[in-house]
Amino acid sequence: MIDEMKNLTRYFQDTWGTQRPIFKLFRTSNTGYLYDTGTNKVFGCHEPEFDFLRRVLSQGTGQAIETFIQDHGMDSFIQAGNTIKGVMEQEKILLSKGVTRFGDGDHFTKDLEEQINSSLGILNLEVTERCNLRCGYCVYNPQLDDTREHGTRDMDISVGHTAIDYLKRSSAKRKNVAIAFYGGEPLLCFPFIKSCVEYAQKELAPKKLVFSMTTNAVLLTREIAQYLADHHFSVLVSVDGPGEIHDRYRKDAGGKGTYSKVIEGLKLLVDRYGDRAKELIGISMVYAPPYNGKGVNRVAKLFEDLPWLPREMETRIAYPHYGSLPMEQYSQGELQEDKPLFDWSKANFIDTMGKKDEVSPIARGVIEKDLAQFMQRQIFNEPVDKYYLNGCCVPGVRKVFINVAGDILLCEKIYNNVPPMGTIYSGIDIKLVEEMFVRQYAEESLPLCSSCWASRLCNLCYIHHYTDGKFDSAKKKMQCRATRLLKERLLITHCEMIEKKPDSLDYLLEYELV
C-alpha cells in the first residue's frame, strides 16, 4: 500500500510538477463535474476525486496529497488517485498547463490580407447619426466616453454607393453577402435606403443579397413595411416589453413614451410579412432598472399581451451598456429581490426541458445561443496548445461598419475606442490590423488568458478591450471575471438539463451559429 501511494504521488508530481493543470470543478445539485480546458471535455466527478482535485487547485500537488491523506486516509487516496490516473491516461485530460500561444483560426493564416480583400460578408452602414428618440440608456449620450453623442450628419448617397462598391471588390470569394442599415434611426433616411438597395441589387448580382435593419419602428408606415417585406429585409425592432416598462426609458425627443407607436409599427411589419415574420422579424430588448422582483416575468408577458407576435421570432435581451445610466438609478426599487436574466432563463429552460415550442422567447434570447455554442464545441482527443483569439472575429472579414464619413470600423459596437481600419476609398490598412488586432491583442491578452480555465470557451471580443485606441488590460480583466462566472453557470445549466433529460438539448446541435 505504501509503494502504491508513493507511485501515485510520483505520477502526479511528475505529470503536473509545480504547475497546476488547467481545469474547472463545478457542481449541480446532484453531483460534481470536471471541465478540462485542454480537451474541452466534461466528466462527472465523484466526491473523493472532486475533493482531491479541489485541493490540487487551491494547494498545489504535494500539499493536496498530504492533506487529502490526513483527512481521508491512504486507502481513499489510492482509490481516488487510481481513478483520476486512469481517466487521465485514457482521455488525455488534466494535462494542459495553460494557454501557451494563440494560433488557431484565420487571424494567424498567411493569407490574412487576401481574406480581408476578398471575403467580406456584411456591410453595416451608419445611415444617420440622428435619432427621433432619446432613450434614457442610449449609448450615444454625453455620459459615455466610449461612443459618440447623437449627431446631425446623414450618410450621403455617394458614400453609400461607394461603400457598396467596396463590398463588391472585397467579397469576390463570397456567394452570399448582406447589407445592414443602422443609425441613429435609419428610417429617418428611407429614400437613402431605397437608393442603396437598388444600387446593390444592380452592382452585386449574381450574388445572393440579404438586407437587414435595426429600427425603433416609430416611423414605420404601411408603404415602408410593404417595401421591407417585398425586399425580404430582416428587421430588428427595439421594444423593451409591455407599455409601462418600455415607456420608462424609450421616449421621444419631447419626453413622451413611444410604446403605442412602436407596437403599431411592429404590427404593420408582422401583417405584411405574414408567415415569414417569425423568421425575418426580431425584437431587441434592454432590461433596465429599477428592478423590483417582477421585471422579467412582466417583460416575458409581452408575447401574451400581443398574441399576434410570433413566439418563434428572434428575441435579444440585455442589460444597459455599463455607464449609460447613473448608478443611483440601479438602487431604485428592490434590486435584491430581482432575478437576474440568466437565472430566470435557466429556470425557464429547466422547467420546459428545453422544448423549443415551450421555452420563453426571453429565455431563448438570453441563453440558447450560448448553450448551442457549448453543445457544438470542438472536442479534442488530447490537449491542444493553440487557442483562438478569444471570441474575436477577423477584422474586415465577417463584417465592417461604415460611418457617415466613409471610415471603416470593426463593427457598430466600437466607435471612439479604436481608430478606423481605413476608408471605403483606400481600403483597409492591413498593417494596422496585423499590429493592433492580431499581434498586440495576442501579446497583451496572453498573460490574462494563460492560466484561465475558460480560455477555450471565451467569447470576449475587441469591443471589451480598448480605451483611447489602445489595448486596456485592466478593462479586459474586468470583463474576464464576468465571463468566467457566466461560463461556469452555463456549464452547470448544461449538466443539470442533461441529468434530468439526456436529450433535452440535442436540438441545439442543429442551431445555426452566426
Foldseek 3Di string as FASTA:
>chain_A
DVVLLVVLLCVVCVQQPQFFFFWDWDDFPPFIKIQFQQFRDIDTDHDLLSQLSVCCVVPNRPVSSVVSCVVPNDVSCSVSSVVVVVCCVQQVGRRHRFFPFAADDDLNDPCLVLLLQAFAAEEEEAQELAAQWFFLLDCQPPQDPQAHHRDGDGFDLVLLLLSLVSVQRRHNVALEHEYEYEYNANVVPVVSVVSSVVSNVVRNPPRHYAYEYEHQQLPADLVNLLVCLVRLYQYEHEAAADQVQRLVGTGGPVSGRCVVSSVVRVVSNCVNNPPCCQPRYEYEHEQEDPAAQCRVVRRLCRCVVPVSRDQNHQYAYYYRDPRSHPPVRNPPHDNVNHDDLQRVLLVQCLVVLQPSVRRGSSSCNPFVLLLLCSVQDRGHSHGDNHAHLFQADQASRHYWYQYSVFFTCRDPLGDQFADTQGGSVPGGDVVCSSVAVNPQSRVLCCVVRGNHSCRRSGNDYDSQAGHRRHGHSVSVNVVVVVRVVVVSVSVNSVVVSCVVPVCSSVVSPVPDDD
